[in-house]
Amino acid sequence: MKNKFIILALAILLIPSNIFAAGFVRENNFMNKSGSDRVAETKKWQAQMNLPVTGRVDEKTKTALYTPNYEVYDMVVNAPTNDVWISVNKSRRILTVYRGKQSIGKFPVTLGTSSTPTPSAKATIINKHVNPAWGGMGGKYTPVAANDPNNPLGERWMGLKIPGKSGYGIHGNIKPLQIGGYYSNGCIRMYNYDIENFVFPTMKVGAPVWIGTDNELESWGLYQFSRIKKDEPKPTPKPEPKPEEPKEFPAQELLEF
């Protein structure tokens, strides 16, 4: 009997450990990182999944991470152009680049504070600059020259034409930890890598930029979804027809044949 227990114990030790591994985990780039790198990668993953950008593995992020039947998609009813354009979702802190109705890139952003909010509008890109100088918002702050490491615009600027407004744009930043929050004076800040390597080279002067909350964007015909996919209702099987029972004829009818 003692030998049997020894054999059983050895067999358990030889079982591959991954047989006891946890279930489904969606592909991501943050779980194997730590510190600020983990936070930044979490924000980027949340943007790709149409989740509110927080940098934390919160409940919504866990649901998307561990649920196999989770769906993420954008629906554009009437695209403002068949060419490239941008939406900025103020509810989720996500900038999305579209080509026509097709999403081709999603990125986390910083937006304006409650006292200096990013305006909601159907805007247009009116200029693009590499290594822009910063004017200090008309004397409110000390101007900063181009290529200065303290330039809050980073090294890329895309100016926006917004009805009744001026001075707003999409640009880089010098405070990456604030990405995903409401910290700016109203401009839309991006990770420097994202704007320098994808958004700035992709966009054109004249491209539309829709800026709004979930509800505002939906009122314009843009829907950005992230949710557990509901199972399609199964059709109710129709009952099989019962075979007809043989008719019984009265004796009189039988005689008449």
C-alpha atoms as a PDB file:
ATOM      1  CA  MET A   1       0.000   0.000   0.000  1.00  0.00           C
ATOM      2  CA  LYS A   2       2.846   2.374   0.890  1.00  0.00           C
ATOM      3  CA  ASN A   3       4.385   1.883  -2.554  1.00  0.00           C
ATOM      4  CA  LYS A   4       1.068   2.777  -4.200  1.00  0.00           C
ATOM      5  CA  PHE A   5       0.959   6.121  -2.379  1.00  0.00           C
ATOM      6  CA  ILE A   6       4.528   6.889  -3.473  1.00  0.00           C
ATOM      7  CA  ILE A   7       3.682   6.115  -7.110  1.00  0.00           C
ATOM      8  CA  LEU A   8       0.560   8.306  -6.915  1.00  0.00           C
ATOM      9  CA  ALA A   9       2.532  11.217  -5.444  1.00  0.00           C
ATOM     10  CA  LEU A  10       5.158  10.975  -8.190  1.00  0.00           C
ATOM     11  CA  ALA A  11       2.442  10.899 -10.852  1.00  0.00           C
ATOM     12  CA  ILE A  12       0.913  14.124  -9.486  1.00  0.00           C
ATOM     13  CA  LEU A  13       4.304  15.858  -9.495  1.00  0.00           C
ATOM     14  CA  LEU A  14       4.850  14.867 -13.126  1.00  0.00           C
ATOM     15  CA  ILE A  15       1.551  16.412 -14.323  1.00  0.00           C
ATOM     16  CA  PRO A  16       2.303  19.613 -16.360  1.00  0.00           C
ATOM     17  CA  SER A  17       1.596  22.679 -14.241  1.00  0.00           C
ATOM     18  CA  ASN A  18      -0.273  24.453 -17.052  1.00  0.00           C
ATOM     19  CA  ILE A  19      -3.111  21.956 -16.796  1.00  0.00           C
ATOM     20  CA  PHE A  20      -4.193  23.921 -13.715  1.00  0.00           C
ATOM     21  CA  ALA A  21      -3.698  27.368 -15.400  1.00  0.00           C
ATOM     22  CA  ALA A  22      -6.476  29.930 -15.261  1.00  0.00           C
ATOM     23  CA  GLY A  23      -8.982  30.190 -18.072  1.00  0.00           C
ATOM     24  CA  PHE A  24      -9.262  32.637 -20.953  1.00  0.00           C
ATOM     25  CA  VAL A  25      -7.096  35.798 -20.930  1.00  0.00           C
ATOM     26  CA  ARG A  26      -7.336  38.202 -23.876  1.00  0.00           C
ATOM     27  CA  GLU A  27      -4.070  39.129 -25.581  1.00  0.00           C
ATOM     28  CA  ASN A  28      -2.507  42.241 -24.037  1.00  0.00           C
ATOM     29  CA  ASN A  29       0.807  44.048 -23.547  1.00  0.00           C
ATOM     30  CA  PHE A  30       0.513  45.176 -19.930  1.00  0.00           C
ATOM     31  CA  MET A  31       0.284  42.123 -17.670  1.00  0.00           C
ATOM     32  CA  ASN A  32       3.984  41.329 -18.083  1.00  0.00           C
ATOM     33  CA  LYS A  33       5.062  44.895 -17.251  1.00  0.00           C
ATOM     34  CA  SER A  34       5.351  46.930 -14.079  1.00  0.00           C
ATOM     35  CA  GLY A  35       5.369  50.530 -12.912  1.00  0.00           C
ATOM     36  CA  SER A  36       4.742  53.352 -15.391  1.00  0.00           C
ATOM     37  CA  ASP A  37       5.205  50.997 -18.361  1.00  0.00           C
ATOM     38  CA  ARG A  38       2.329  48.836 -17.114  1.00  0.00           C
ATOM     39  CA  VAL A  39       0.102  51.903 -16.636  1.00  0.00           C
ATOM     40  CA  ALA A  40       0.876  53.251 -20.119  1.00  0.00           C
ATOM     41  CA  GLU A  41       0.259  49.903 -21.812  1.00  0.00           C
ATOM     42  CA  THR A  42      -2.982  49.473 -19.865  1.00  0.00           C
ATOM     43  CA  LYS A  43      -4.189  52.846 -21.146  1.00  0.00           C
ATOM     44  CA  LYS A  44      -3.334  51.924 -24.727  1.00  0.00           C
ATOM     45  CA  TRP A  45      -5.116  48.565 -24.400  1.00  0.00           C
ATOM     46  CA  GLN A  46      -8.190  50.210 -22.879  1.00  0.00           C
ATOM     47  CA  ALA A  47      -8.340  52.620 -25.826  1.00  0.00           C
ATOM     48  CA  GLN A  48      -8.150  49.740 -28.292  1.00  0.00           C
ATOM     49  CA  MET A  49     -10.988  48.020 -26.450  1.00  0.00           C
ATOM     50  CA  ASN A  50     -13.202  51.159 -26.380  1.00  0.00           C
ATOM     51  CA  LEU A  51     -12.988  51.197 -22.581  1.00  0.00           C
ATOM     52  CA  PRO A  52     -12.802  54.346 -20.448  1.00  0.00           C
ATOM     53  CA  VAL A  53      -9.063  55.066 -20.156  1.00  0.00           C
ATOM     54  CA  THR A  54      -7.979  54.877 -16.507  1.00  0.00           C
ATOM     55  CA  GLY A  55      -4.667  53.015 -16.502  1.00  0.00           C
ATOM     56  CA  ARG A  56      -6.070  50.708 -13.829  1.00  0.00           C
ATOM     57  CA  VAL A  57      -7.196  47.118 -14.212  1.00  0.00           C
ATOM     58  CA  ASP A  58     -10.686  48.054 -13.056  1.00  0.00           C
ATOM     59  CA  GLU A  59     -13.848  45.985 -13.288  1.00  0.00           C
ATOM     60  CA  LYS A  60     -14.625  46.952 -16.894  1.00  0.00           C
ATOM     61  CA  THR A  61     -11.070  46.115 -17.898  1.00  0.00           C
ATOM     62  CA  LYS A  62     -11.230  42.753 -16.102  1.00  0.00           C
ATOM     63  CA  THR A  63     -14.465  41.928 -17.905  1.00  0.00           C
ATOM     64  CA  ALA A  64     -12.873  42.629 -21.292  1.00  0.00           C
ATOM     65  CA  LEU A  65      -9.692  40.809 -20.289  1.00  0.00           C
ATOM     66  CA  TYR A  66     -11.257  37.568 -19.098  1.00  0.00           C
ATOM     67  CA  THR A  67     -14.466  37.262 -21.158  1.00  0.00           C
ATOM     68  CA  PRO A  68     -14.111  35.316 -24.432  1.00  0.00           C
ATOM     69  CA  ASN A  69     -17.381  36.549 -25.986  1.00  0.00           C
ATOM     70  CA  TYR A  70     -16.520  40.230 -25.607  1.00  0.00           C
ATOM     71  CA  GLU A  71     -17.085  42.486 -28.606  1.00  0.00           C
ATOM     72  CA  VAL A  72     -15.552  45.812 -29.584  1.00  0.00           C
ATOM     73  CA  TYR A  73     -16.694  47.633 -32.689  1.00  0.00           C
ATOM     74  CA  ASP A  74     -17.393  51.049 -34.094  1.00  0.00           C
ATOM     75  CA  MET A  75     -20.419  51.829 -36.212  1.00  0.00           C
ATOM     76  CA  VAL A  76     -20.367  54.949 -38.373  1.00  0.00           C
ATOM     77  CA  VAL A  77     -23.744  55.751 -39.912  1.00  0.00           C
ATOM     78  CA  ASN A  78     -22.647  58.730 -41.997  1.00  0.00           C
ATOM     79  CA  ALA A  79     -18.892  59.293 -42.192  1.00  0.00           C
ATOM     80  CA  PRO A  80     -17.964  62.953 -42.824  1.00  0.00           C
ATOM     81  CA  THR A  81     -15.508  61.804 -45.525  1.00  0.00           C
ATOM     82  CA  ASN A  82     -14.327  58.667 -47.276  1.00  0.00           C
ATOM     83  CA  ASP A  83     -10.781  59.766 -46.483  1.00  0.00           C
ATOM     84  CA  VAL A  84      -9.098  59.919 -43.061  1.00  0.00           C
ATOM     85  CA  TRP A  85     -10.716  61.725 -40.135  1.00  0.00           C
ATOM     86  CA  ILE A  86     -10.719  61.722 -36.337  1.00  0.00           C
ATOM     87  CA  SER A  87     -13.160  61.307 -33.475  1.00  0.00           C
ATOM     88  CA  VAL A  88     -12.360  62.251 -29.880  1.00  0.00           C
ATOM     89  CA  ASN A  89     -14.599  60.528 -27.329  1.00  0.00           C
ATOM     90  CA  LYS A  90     -14.728  62.774 -24.266  1.00  0.00           C
ATOM     91  CA  SER A  91     -16.506  60.146 -22.149  1.00  0.00           C
ATOM     92  CA  ARG A  92     -13.836  57.476 -22.711  1.00  0.00           C
ATOM     93  CA  ARG A  93     -10.753  59.694 -23.386  1.00  0.00           C
ATOM     94  CA  ILE A  94     -10.090  57.968 -26.698  1.00  0.00           C
ATOM     95  CA  LEU A  95      -8.994  59.405 -30.039  1.00  0.00           C
ATOM     96  CA  THR A  96      -9.922  57.214 -33.019  1.00  0.00           C
ATOM     97  CA  VAL A  97      -8.584  57.569 -36.546  1.00  0.00           C
ATOM     98  CA  TYR A  98     -10.987  56.471 -39.272  1.00  0.00           C
ATOM     99  CA  ARG A  99     -10.754  55.979 -42.985  1.00  0.00           C
ATOM    100  CA  GLY A 100     -14.319  56.435 -44.097  1.00  0.00           C
ATOM    101  CA  LYS A 101     -16.326  54.114 -41.841  1.00  0.00           C
ATOM    102  CA  GLN A 102     -13.352  51.938 -40.863  1.00  0.00           C
ATOM    103  CA  SER A 103     -11.447  52.436 -37.610  1.00  0.00           C
ATOM    104  CA  ILE A 104      -7.687  52.244 -38.286  1.00  0.00           C
ATOM    105  CA  GLY A 105      -6.256  53.259 -34.895  1.00  0.00           C
ATOM    106  CA  LYS A 106      -7.258  54.078 -31.315  1.00  0.00           C
ATOM    107  CA  PHE A 107      -5.240  56.061 -28.776  1.00  0.00           C
ATOM    108  CA  PRO A 108      -5.651  57.343 -25.192  1.00  0.00           C
ATOM    109  CA  VAL A 109      -5.684  61.113 -24.690  1.00  0.00           C
ATOM    110  CA  THR A 110      -5.730  63.846 -22.067  1.00  0.00           C
ATOM    111  CA  LEU A 111      -8.631  66.316 -22.221  1.00  0.00           C
ATOM    112  CA  GLY A 112      -9.543  69.638 -20.597  1.00  0.00           C
ATOM    113  CA  THR A 113     -10.425  70.126 -16.956  1.00  0.00           C
ATOM    114  CA  SER A 114     -13.928  70.996 -15.774  1.00  0.00           C
ATOM    115  CA  SER A 115     -12.936  74.674 -15.665  1.00  0.00           C
ATOM    116  CA  THR A 116     -11.143  74.581 -19.052  1.00  0.00           C
ATOM    117  CA  PRO A 117     -13.082  71.868 -20.905  1.00  0.00           C
ATOM    118  CA  THR A 118     -12.374  70.526 -24.342  1.00  0.00           C
ATOM    119  CA  PRO A 119     -15.231  71.891 -26.469  1.00  0.00           C
ATOM    120  CA  SER A 120     -17.631  69.549 -28.209  1.00  0.00           C
ATOM    121  CA  ALA A 121     -17.738  70.310 -31.919  1.00  0.00           C
ATOM    122  CA  LYS A 122     -17.459  69.120 -35.472  1.00  0.00           C
ATOM    123  CA  ALA A 123     -14.039  70.631 -36.077  1.00  0.00           C
ATOM    124  CA  THR A 124     -11.448  70.622 -38.872  1.00  0.00           C
ATOM    125  CA  ILE A 125      -7.656  70.385 -38.921  1.00  0.00           C
ATOM    126  CA  ILE A 126      -6.414  73.746 -40.211  1.00  0.00           C
ATOM    127  CA  ASN A 127      -2.631  73.418 -39.772  1.00  0.00           C
ATOM    128  CA  LYS A 128       0.131  70.970 -38.884  1.00  0.00           C
ATOM    129  CA  HIS A 129       3.515  71.824 -37.371  1.00  0.00           C
ATOM    130  CA  VAL A 130       6.635  69.857 -36.445  1.00  0.00           C
ATOM    131  CA  ASN A 131       8.488  71.186 -33.375  1.00  0.00           C
ATOM    132  CA  PRO A 132       6.044  74.038 -32.740  1.00  0.00           C
ATOM    133  CA  ALA A 133       6.778  76.906 -30.392  1.00  0.00           C
ATOM    134  CA  TRP A 134       4.206  77.566 -27.661  1.00  0.00           C
ATOM    135  CA  GLY A 135       2.827  81.071 -27.318  1.00  0.00           C
ATOM    136  CA  GLY A 136       1.777  80.749 -23.686  1.00  0.00           C
ATOM    137  CA  MET A 137      -1.953  81.168 -24.389  1.00  0.00           C
ATOM    138  CA  GLY A 138      -1.892  84.902 -25.078  1.00  0.00           C
ATOM    139  CA  GLY A 139       0.215  85.894 -22.085  1.00  0.00           C
ATOM    140  CA  LYS A 140      -1.360  83.568 -19.530  1.00  0.00           C
ATOM    141  CA  TYR A 141       1.884  81.579 -19.392  1.00  0.00           C
ATOM    142  CA  THR A 142       5.497  82.187 -20.370  1.00  0.00           C
ATOM    143  CA  PRO A 143       6.015  81.276 -24.043  1.00  0.00           C
ATOM    144  CA  VAL A 144       8.263  78.304 -24.778  1.00  0.00           C
ATOM    145  CA  ALA A 145      10.482  77.973 -27.848  1.00  0.00           C
ATOM    146  CA  ALA A 146      10.478  75.059 -30.265  1.00  0.00           C
ATOM    147  CA  ASN A 147      12.660  72.066 -29.312  1.00  0.00           C
ATOM    148  CA  ASP A 148      12.552  73.099 -25.645  1.00  0.00           C
ATOM    149  CA  PRO A 149      12.042  69.996 -23.437  1.00  0.00           C
ATOM    150  CA  ASN A 150       9.562  72.046 -21.369  1.00  0.00           C
ATOM    151  CA  ASN A 151       7.351  72.786 -24.373  1.00  0.00           C
ATOM    152  CA  PRO A 152       3.897  71.409 -23.371  1.00  0.00           C
ATOM    153  CA  LEU A 153       3.026  70.789 -27.027  1.00  0.00           C
ATOM    154  CA  GLY A 154       5.694  68.145 -27.448  1.00  0.00           C
ATOM    155  CA  GLU A 155       7.002  68.018 -31.014  1.00  0.00           C
ATOM    156  CA  ARG A 156       3.775  67.806 -33.019  1.00  0.00           C
ATOM    157  CA  TRP A 157       0.788  70.139 -33.330  1.00  0.00           C
ATOM    158  CA  MET A 158      -2.416  69.917 -35.360  1.00  0.00           C
ATOM    159  CA  GLY A 159      -4.490  73.070 -35.027  1.00  0.00           C
ATOM    160  CA  LEU A 160      -8.283  72.830 -35.000  1.00  0.00           C
ATOM    161  CA  LYS A 161     -10.907  75.111 -36.454  1.00  0.00           C
ATOM    162  CA  ILE A 162     -13.819  75.074 -34.021  1.00  0.00           C
ATOM    163  CA  PRO A 163     -16.818  77.358 -34.579  1.00  0.00           C
ATOM    164  CA  GLY A 164     -16.637  80.268 -32.121  1.00  0.00           C
ATOM    165  CA  LYS A 165     -13.346  79.048 -30.574  1.00  0.00           C
ATOM    166  CA  SER A 166      -9.629  79.494 -31.178  1.00  0.00           C
ATOM    167  CA  GLY A 167      -6.323  78.121 -29.937  1.00  0.00           C
ATOM    168  CA  TYR A 168      -7.323  74.464 -29.648  1.00  0.00           C
ATOM    169  CA  GLY A 169      -5.348  71.592 -31.117  1.00  0.00           C
ATOM    170  CA  ILE A 170      -4.183  67.996 -30.927  1.00  0.00           C
ATOM    171  CA  HIS A 171      -0.565  67.711 -29.812  1.00  0.00           C
ATOM    172  CA  GLY A 172       2.106  65.780 -27.885  1.00  0.00           C
ATOM    173  CA  ASN A 173       2.849  66.254 -24.206  1.00  0.00           C
ATOM    174  CA  ILE A 174       5.470  66.447 -21.451  1.00  0.00           C
ATOM    175  CA  LYS A 175       3.242  64.869 -18.770  1.00  0.00           C
ATOM    176  CA  PRO A 176       2.544  61.322 -19.963  1.00  0.00           C
ATOM    177  CA  LEU A 177       1.192  60.220 -16.573  1.00  0.00           C
ATOM    178  CA  GLN A 178      -1.801  62.527 -17.156  1.00  0.00           C
ATOM    179  CA  ILE A 179      -2.873  60.682 -20.315  1.00  0.00           C
ATOM    180  CA  GLY A 180      -6.381  59.329 -19.785  1.00  0.00           C
ATOM    181  CA  GLY A 181      -7.498  62.167 -17.510  1.00  0.00           C
ATOM    182  CA  TYR A 182      -8.891  65.691 -17.618  1.00  0.00           C
ATOM    183  CA  TYR A 183      -5.868  67.943 -17.051  1.00  0.00           C
ATOM    184  CA  SER A 184      -5.343  70.205 -20.069  1.00  0.00           C
ATOM    185  CA  ASN A 185      -6.471  73.748 -20.837  1.00  0.00           C
ATOM    186  CA  GLY A 186      -8.817  72.288 -23.442  1.00  0.00           C
ATOM    187  CA  CYS A 187      -6.403  70.863 -26.000  1.00  0.00           C
ATOM    188  CA  ILE A 188      -6.164  67.159 -26.772  1.00  0.00           C
ATOM    189  CA  ARG A 189      -2.845  65.691 -25.651  1.00  0.00           C
ATOM    190  CA  MET A 190      -1.443  62.384 -26.900  1.00  0.00           C
ATOM    191  CA  TYR A 191       1.501  60.173 -26.106  1.00  0.00           C
ATOM    192  CA  ASN A 192       4.372  61.581 -28.158  1.00  0.00           C
ATOM    193  CA  TYR A 193       5.020  58.232 -29.820  1.00  0.00           C
ATOM    194  CA  ASP A 194       1.390  57.901 -30.944  1.00  0.00           C
ATOM    195  CA  ILE A 195       1.078  61.319 -32.533  1.00  0.00           C
ATOM    196  CA  GLU A 196       4.567  61.376 -34.026  1.00  0.00           C
ATOM    197  CA  ASN A 197       4.476  57.924 -35.584  1.00  0.00           C
ATOM    198  CA  PHE A 198       0.851  57.420 -36.562  1.00  0.00           C
ATOM    199  CA  VAL A 199      -1.649  60.255 -36.186  1.00  0.00           C
ATOM    200  CA  PHE A 200       0.389  63.224 -37.454  1.00  0.00           C
ATOM    201  CA  PRO A 201       1.723  61.407 -40.565  1.00  0.00           C
ATOM    202  CA  THR A 202      -1.728  59.998 -41.359  1.00  0.00           C
ATOM    203  CA  MET A 203      -3.856  63.128 -41.052  1.00  0.00           C
ATOM    204  CA  LYS A 204      -4.265  65.921 -43.595  1.00  0.00           C
ATOM    205  CA  VAL A 205      -5.128  69.581 -43.343  1.00  0.00           C
ATOM    206  CA  GLY A 206      -8.883  69.819 -43.869  1.00  0.00           C
ATOM    207  CA  ALA A 207      -9.632  66.469 -42.218  1.00  0.00           C
ATOM    208  CA  PRO A 208     -12.790  66.449 -40.059  1.00  0.00           C
ATOM    209  CA  VAL A 209     -12.465  66.009 -36.279  1.00  0.00           C
ATOM    210  CA  TRP A 210     -15.567  65.109 -34.269  1.00  0.00           C
ATOM    211  CA  ILE A 211     -15.225  65.885 -30.557  1.00  0.00           C
ATOM    212  CA  GLY A 212     -17.993  64.866 -28.157  1.00  0.00           C
ATOM    213  CA  THR A 213     -19.297  62.658 -25.401  1.00  0.00           C
ATOM    214  CA  ASP A 214     -20.763  59.216 -26.066  1.00  0.00           C
ATOM    215  CA  ASN A 215     -24.232  60.755 -26.389  1.00  0.00           C
ATOM    216  CA  GLU A 216     -23.075  63.604 -28.630  1.00  0.00           C
ATOM    217  CA  LEU A 217     -21.174  61.305 -30.974  1.00  0.00           C
ATOM    218  CA  GLU A 218     -24.153  58.969 -31.176  1.00  0.00           C
ATOM    219  CA  SER A 219     -26.412  61.894 -32.068  1.00  0.00           C
ATOM    220  CA  TRP A 220     -24.079  62.509 -35.035  1.00  0.00           C
ATOM    221  CA  GLY A 221     -24.188  58.866 -36.112  1.00  0.00           C
ATOM    222  CA  LEU A 222     -21.034  57.459 -34.484  1.00  0.00           C
ATOM    223  CA  TYR A 223     -21.402  54.534 -32.082  1.00  0.00           C
ATOM    224  CA  GLN A 224     -18.445  53.069 -30.174  1.00  0.00           C
ATOM    225  CA  PHE A 225     -19.287  49.808 -28.403  1.00  0.00           C
ATOM    226  CA  SER A 226     -17.580  47.612 -25.830  1.00  0.00           C
ATOM    227  CA  ARG A 227     -19.650  44.906 -24.171  1.00  0.00           C
ATOM    228  CA  ILE A 228     -20.234  41.228 -23.559  1.00  0.00           C
ATOM    229  CA  LYS A 229     -21.689  39.761 -26.712  1.00  0.00           C
ATOM    230  CA  LYS A 230     -25.197  38.531 -26.142  1.00  0.00           C
ATOM    231  CA  ASP A 231     -26.049  35.066 -27.388  1.00  0.00           C
ATOM    232  CA  GLU A 232     -28.401  35.068 -30.344  1.00  0.00           C
ATOM    233  CA  PRO A 233     -31.799  33.728 -29.310  1.00  0.00           C
ATOM    234  CA  LYS A 234     -32.166  30.151 -30.416  1.00  0.00           C
ATOM    235  CA  PRO A 235     -35.129  29.539 -32.718  1.00  0.00           C
ATOM    236  CA  THR A 236     -37.917  27.591 -31.071  1.00  0.00           C
ATOM    237  CA  PRO A 237     -38.114  24.200 -32.767  1.00  0.00           C
ATOM    238  CA  LYS A 238     -41.392  23.589 -34.499  1.00  0.00           C
ATOM    239  CA  PRO A 239     -43.267  20.499 -33.291  1.00  0.00           C
ATOM    240  CA  GLU A 240     -43.177  17.663 -35.761  1.00  0.00           C
ATOM    241  CA  PRO A 241     -46.577  17.115 -37.426  1.00  0.00           C
ATOM    242  CA  LYS A 242     -48.450  14.162 -36.023  1.00  0.00           C
ATOM    243  CA  PRO A 243     -49.177  11.365 -38.528  1.00  0.00           C
ATOM    244  CA  GLU A 244     -52.752  11.297 -39.611  1.00  0.00           C
ATOM    245  CA  GLU A 245     -54.780   8.603 -37.938  1.00  0.00           C
ATOM    246  CA  PRO A 246     -56.508   6.165 -40.326  1.00  0.00           C
ATOM    247  CA  LYS A 247     -60.100   7.017 -40.919  1.00  0.00           C
ATOM    248  CA  GLU A 248     -62.776   4.553 -39.926  1.00  0.00           C
ATOM    249  CA  PHE A 249     -65.647   4.247 -42.326  1.00  0.00           C
ATOM    250  CA  PRO A 250     -69.135   3.216 -41.197  1.00  0.00           C
ATOM    251  CA  ALA A 251     -70.195  -0.253 -42.250  1.00  0.00           C
ATOM    252  CA  GLN A 252     -72.828   1.185 -44.599  1.00  0.00           C
ATOM    253  CA  GLU A 253     -70.170   3.199 -46.527  1.00  0.00           C
ATOM    254  CA  LEU A 254     -68.031   0.101 -46.868  1.00  0.00           C
ATOM    255  CA  LEU A 255     -70.896  -1.774 -48.400  1.00  0.00           C
ATOM    256  CA  GLU A 256     -71.449   0.940 -50.996  1.00  0.00           C
ATOM    257  CA  PHE A 257     -67.894   0.672 -52.547  1.00  0.00           C
END
